[in-house]
Amino acid sequence: MENDIDLDRDYDVFSAKRMEDIIIFRFKKNLLLRTTDLRAMSTILNYLSLVSENNSIKILVIFGSPQETSSKEIAEFHRRVLETGLDEGTIRRMYNAVDQFILRIMELNKIVIHADTRKSISLSLNVSLACDYRIVSDNTVFKNFHLDLGLAPKGGSAFFLTKMIGLGRAYKILLSEEEITAQEALRLGIVDKVVALSDLEEAALKTAQHFAQKPAGSLSGVKRLLNYSMRDLKDYLEFENDELFRIVMSSEFQKRLEE
């Protein structure tokens, strides 16, 4: 029986624990810094497939990595990529691994709740935007580290934000050099709930239990209907990769890495 299937996991990059019809999924390391490890990304995607195939699971709760990430770490990531001499195909496969995670979350026939607390890089914000409900602690801030490096954001933020809050405010957020506080994110509508740090775990679980009270067919049906307007996300992500690859391979960007 599906209720008896063991979905508990503990890997280097994430852990997962089943609580009746809810999966608690915790990133141990920042997703961007793991994209060079295609095996780790494959492990994540394979696990999400197992969750999707299990009809007794209604809710997936994703806790973001506790690791702080700065523009220096992002620069180091790109420096490692360029120094290894990876060809275009390999670099694109790394970007595609992130895309597949975003798409898998969007297509998952479960309600996905994202909970996070830290200074989030743009990718972390994008992952949360692909989810159905977003909770952050009151000490969380969002910052556009991609601006420090002259990069475009990776992971679909321009796509999601334009649909969620409109073109004008999306421009303002993605080009802002100021930190966006949790309360400001709530006002803008890019998070759904702000709680005290000590209450984050409890709030995420209570929200999951609230959704889990609904019929599974209603949950998945409403999600599919609401995400109908997102059906061109895959094409957008391919375009995003082209733009990011153009910037990363430019002499201007490589000079920035040397500074």
Protein backbone atom coordinates (compact mmCIF):
# COMPACT_ATOMS: atom_id res chain seq x y z
CA MET A 1 0.00 0.00 0.00
CA GLU A 2 1.14 3.57 -0.71
CA ASN A 3 0.78 4.48 2.96
CA ASP A 4 3.46 1.90 3.75
CA ILE A 5 6.02 3.19 1.23
CA ASP A 6 9.11 4.57 2.97
CA LEU A 7 9.75 8.09 1.67
CA ASP A 8 12.18 9.11 4.41
CA ARG A 9 15.59 10.06 3.03
CA ASP A 10 18.87 11.56 4.26
CA TYR A 11 21.30 12.61 1.54
CA ASP A 12 24.20 15.03 1.43
CA VAL A 13 22.10 17.69 -0.29
CA PHE A 14 18.68 17.15 1.34
CA SER A 15 16.68 15.17 3.85
CA ALA A 16 13.01 14.20 3.72
CA LYS A 17 10.58 12.83 6.27
CA ARG A 18 7.02 11.66 5.85
CA MET A 19 4.35 12.75 8.32
CA GLU A 20 1.17 10.94 7.24
CA ASP A 21 0.07 12.74 4.04
CA ILE A 22 2.79 15.43 4.28
CA ILE A 23 6.44 15.32 3.19
CA ILE A 24 8.93 17.57 5.00
CA PHE A 25 11.82 18.25 2.57
CA ARG A 26 14.90 20.12 3.82
CA PHE A 27 17.72 21.43 1.68
CA LYS A 28 21.06 21.10 3.46
CA LYS A 29 23.03 23.12 0.92
CA ASN A 30 22.23 25.97 -1.43
CA LEU A 31 20.72 24.71 -4.68
CA LEU A 32 22.80 27.00 -6.93
CA LEU A 33 26.06 25.74 -5.45
CA ARG A 34 24.99 22.14 -6.16
CA THR A 35 24.17 22.55 -9.83
CA THR A 36 27.69 21.49 -10.79
CA ASP A 37 26.85 18.12 -9.22
CA LEU A 38 24.41 16.72 -11.76
CA ARG A 39 24.15 13.48 -9.80
CA ALA A 40 22.86 15.36 -6.76
CA MET A 41 20.34 17.20 -8.91
CA SER A 42 19.20 13.89 -10.38
CA THR A 43 18.68 12.51 -6.87
CA ILE A 44 16.44 15.47 -6.02
CA LEU A 45 14.36 15.11 -9.18
CA ASN A 46 14.00 11.35 -8.76
CA TYR A 47 12.74 11.83 -5.22
CA LEU A 48 10.16 14.38 -6.36
CA SER A 49 8.97 11.83 -8.92
CA LEU A 50 8.43 9.31 -6.12
CA VAL A 51 6.39 11.87 -4.20
CA SER A 52 4.35 12.72 -7.29
CA GLU A 53 3.51 9.06 -7.93
CA ASN A 54 2.28 8.49 -4.38
CA ASN A 55 -1.43 9.27 -4.26
CA SER A 56 -1.53 9.26 -0.46
CA ILE A 57 0.73 12.35 -0.27
CA LYS A 58 -1.09 15.69 -0.49
CA ILE A 59 1.46 18.28 0.65
CA LEU A 60 5.19 18.88 0.17
CA VAL A 61 6.86 21.35 2.55
CA ILE A 62 10.26 22.60 1.37
CA PHE A 63 12.59 24.24 3.88
CA GLY A 64 15.31 26.32 2.27
CA SER A 65 18.95 25.68 3.05
CA PRO A 66 20.22 27.34 6.25
CA GLN A 67 23.43 28.26 4.40
CA GLU A 68 24.00 31.94 3.75
CA THR A 69 25.11 32.75 0.21
CA SER A 70 26.80 35.97 -0.87
CA SER A 71 27.75 37.50 -4.20
CA LYS A 72 31.33 36.29 -3.56
CA GLU A 73 30.14 32.69 -3.41
CA ILE A 74 28.11 33.10 -6.57
CA ALA A 75 31.15 34.60 -8.29
CA GLU A 76 33.26 31.67 -7.10
CA PHE A 77 30.69 29.25 -8.52
CA HIS A 78 30.91 30.85 -11.97
CA ARG A 79 34.70 31.13 -11.72
CA ARG A 80 34.94 27.37 -11.08
CA VAL A 81 32.70 26.69 -14.04
CA LEU A 82 34.81 28.80 -16.40
CA GLU A 83 38.17 27.55 -15.08
CA THR A 84 37.21 23.92 -15.63
CA GLY A 85 36.80 24.69 -19.30
CA LEU A 86 33.33 23.20 -19.45
CA ASP A 87 31.82 23.36 -22.90
CA GLU A 88 28.57 25.10 -23.71
CA GLY A 89 26.61 21.86 -23.57
CA THR A 90 27.79 21.04 -20.05
CA ILE A 91 27.10 24.55 -18.74
CA ARG A 92 23.62 24.48 -20.26
CA ARG A 93 22.95 21.10 -18.64
CA MET A 94 23.77 22.69 -15.28
CA TYR A 95 21.30 25.50 -15.94
CA ASN A 96 18.76 22.96 -17.17
CA ALA A 97 19.07 21.04 -13.90
CA VAL A 98 17.77 24.12 -12.08
CA ASP A 99 15.03 24.50 -14.69
CA GLN A 100 13.91 20.91 -14.20
CA PHE A 101 13.58 21.47 -10.46
CA ILE A 102 11.46 24.59 -11.02
CA LEU A 103 9.28 22.80 -13.59
CA ARG A 104 8.91 19.74 -11.39
CA ILE A 105 7.64 21.88 -8.52
CA MET A 106 5.15 23.61 -10.82
CA GLU A 107 3.93 20.32 -12.30
CA LEU A 108 3.83 18.40 -9.02
CA ASN A 109 0.30 17.18 -8.27
CA LYS A 110 0.70 18.24 -4.63
CA ILE A 111 0.44 21.57 -2.85
CA VAL A 112 4.00 22.82 -2.29
CA ILE A 113 4.77 25.09 0.66
CA HIS A 114 8.12 26.89 0.86
CA ALA A 115 9.56 28.03 4.20
CA ASP A 116 12.81 29.99 4.48
CA THR A 117 14.92 32.17 6.74
CA ARG A 118 18.18 33.84 5.69
CA LYS A 119 19.63 36.37 3.29
CA SER A 120 18.28 34.77 0.14
CA ILE A 121 20.00 34.89 -3.21
CA SER A 122 17.78 35.46 -6.20
CA LEU A 123 17.60 31.74 -6.94
CA SER A 124 16.14 31.04 -3.50
CA LEU A 125 13.46 33.64 -4.12
CA ASN A 126 12.71 32.07 -7.49
CA VAL A 127 12.31 28.59 -6.01
CA SER A 128 9.78 29.96 -3.56
CA LEU A 129 7.88 31.69 -6.37
CA ALA A 130 7.39 28.32 -8.08
CA CYS A 131 5.70 27.01 -4.93
CA ASP A 132 2.03 27.38 -4.04
CA TYR A 133 2.45 29.03 -0.62
CA ARG A 134 5.40 30.91 0.86
CA ILE A 135 6.28 31.43 4.53
CA VAL A 136 9.34 33.31 5.80
CA SER A 137 10.59 34.27 9.22
CA ASP A 138 10.63 37.94 10.17
CA ASN A 139 14.43 38.13 9.91
CA THR A 140 14.46 37.02 6.28
CA VAL A 141 15.68 39.47 3.65
CA PHE A 142 15.91 39.16 -0.12
CA LYS A 143 18.80 40.67 -2.08
CA ASN A 144 19.64 40.76 -5.76
CA PHE A 145 23.21 39.49 -5.69
CA HIS A 146 23.09 39.09 -9.47
CA LEU A 147 23.37 42.88 -9.78
CA ASP A 148 26.76 42.83 -8.02
CA LEU A 149 28.07 40.56 -10.77
CA GLY A 150 26.27 42.02 -13.76
CA LEU A 151 24.23 38.83 -14.17
CA ALA A 152 20.59 38.19 -14.95
CA PRO A 153 18.65 36.26 -12.28
CA LYS A 154 18.33 32.49 -12.77
CA GLY A 155 15.27 30.43 -12.02
CA GLY A 156 12.25 32.23 -13.44
CA SER A 157 11.82 35.28 -11.22
CA ALA A 158 11.10 37.66 -14.12
CA PHE A 159 8.43 35.24 -15.37
CA PHE A 160 6.77 34.66 -12.00
CA LEU A 161 6.94 38.23 -10.72
CA THR A 162 5.47 39.74 -13.88
CA LYS A 163 2.44 37.47 -13.56
CA MET A 164 2.11 37.92 -9.79
CA ILE A 165 2.63 41.66 -9.29
CA GLY A 166 2.83 43.23 -12.74
CA LEU A 167 5.62 44.44 -14.99
CA GLY A 168 6.35 47.72 -13.21
CA ARG A 169 6.82 46.27 -9.75
CA ALA A 170 8.76 43.30 -11.17
CA TYR A 171 11.24 45.76 -12.69
CA LYS A 172 11.54 47.53 -9.35
CA ILE A 173 12.24 44.32 -7.42
CA LEU A 174 14.72 42.76 -9.86
CA LEU A 175 16.73 45.97 -10.30
CA SER A 176 16.69 47.00 -6.64
CA GLU A 177 20.05 47.15 -4.88
CA GLU A 178 18.35 47.41 -1.51
CA GLU A 179 17.42 44.46 0.66
CA ILE A 180 13.75 43.52 0.64
CA THR A 181 12.58 42.75 4.17
CA ALA A 182 10.09 40.05 5.04
CA GLN A 183 7.36 42.60 5.76
CA GLU A 184 8.00 44.38 2.46
CA ALA A 185 7.85 41.05 0.64
CA LEU A 186 4.50 40.37 2.33
CA ARG A 187 3.18 43.79 1.28
CA LEU A 188 4.31 43.20 -2.30
CA GLY A 189 2.61 39.81 -2.36
CA ILE A 190 5.68 37.65 -2.99
CA VAL A 191 5.30 35.85 0.34
CA ASP A 192 2.05 34.74 1.98
CA LYS A 193 2.94 34.71 5.68
CA VAL A 194 5.62 36.17 7.97
CA VAL A 195 6.24 34.60 11.38
CA ALA A 196 8.82 34.79 14.15
CA LEU A 197 11.90 32.66 13.52
CA SER A 198 11.05 30.44 16.48
CA ASP A 199 7.58 29.81 15.00
CA LEU A 200 8.62 28.98 11.42
CA GLU A 201 8.57 25.20 11.74
CA GLU A 202 5.23 25.16 13.53
CA ALA A 203 3.68 27.62 11.08
CA ALA A 204 4.80 25.59 8.08
CA LEU A 205 3.43 22.36 9.55
CA LYS A 206 0.11 23.96 10.54
CA THR A 207 -0.29 25.41 7.06
CA ALA A 208 0.43 21.99 5.56
CA GLN A 209 -2.11 20.34 7.85
CA HIS A 210 -4.69 22.97 6.91
CA PHE A 211 -4.28 22.24 3.20
CA ALA A 212 -4.19 18.48 3.86
CA GLN A 213 -7.75 18.61 5.19
CA LYS A 214 -8.97 19.31 1.64
CA PRO A 215 -9.76 16.49 -0.83
CA ALA A 216 -6.71 15.47 -2.87
CA GLY A 217 -8.61 15.87 -6.13
CA SER A 218 -9.59 19.42 -5.25
CA LEU A 219 -6.03 20.35 -4.29
CA SER A 220 -4.46 19.03 -7.49
CA GLY A 221 -7.34 20.27 -9.67
CA VAL A 222 -7.21 23.82 -8.36
CA LYS A 223 -3.43 23.85 -8.73
CA ARG A 224 -3.63 22.74 -12.36
CA LEU A 225 -6.23 25.39 -13.15
CA LEU A 226 -4.33 28.19 -11.43
CA ASN A 227 -1.10 27.17 -13.18
CA TYR A 228 -2.71 27.06 -16.63
CA SER A 229 -1.36 30.53 -17.39
CA MET A 230 2.15 29.25 -16.56
CA ARG A 231 2.23 26.74 -19.43
CA ASP A 232 4.85 28.78 -21.32
CA LEU A 233 7.30 28.62 -18.39
CA LYS A 234 9.48 26.02 -20.11
CA ASP A 235 10.00 28.25 -23.15
CA TYR A 236 10.79 31.19 -20.87
CA LEU A 237 13.44 29.20 -18.97
CA GLU A 238 15.15 28.25 -22.23
CA PHE A 239 15.23 31.93 -23.21
CA GLU A 240 16.54 32.80 -19.74
CA ASN A 241 19.38 30.30 -20.20
CA ASP A 242 20.32 31.86 -23.54
CA GLU A 243 20.49 35.30 -21.94
CA LEU A 244 22.46 34.11 -18.93
CA PHE A 245 24.90 32.13 -21.08
CA ARG A 246 25.49 35.21 -23.25
CA ILE A 247 26.40 37.25 -20.17
CA VAL A 248 28.55 34.56 -18.52
CA MET A 249 30.65 34.04 -21.64
CA SER A 250 31.20 37.77 -22.22
CA SER A 251 34.60 39.35 -21.62
CA GLU A 252 32.96 41.97 -19.40
CA PHE A 253 31.62 39.35 -16.99
CA GLN A 254 34.90 37.43 -16.90
CA LYS A 255 36.71 40.67 -16.00
CA ARG A 256 34.27 41.13 -13.10
CA LEU A 257 35.24 37.71 -11.78
CA GLU A 258 38.90 38.73 -11.76
CA GLU A 259 38.26 41.87 -9.68
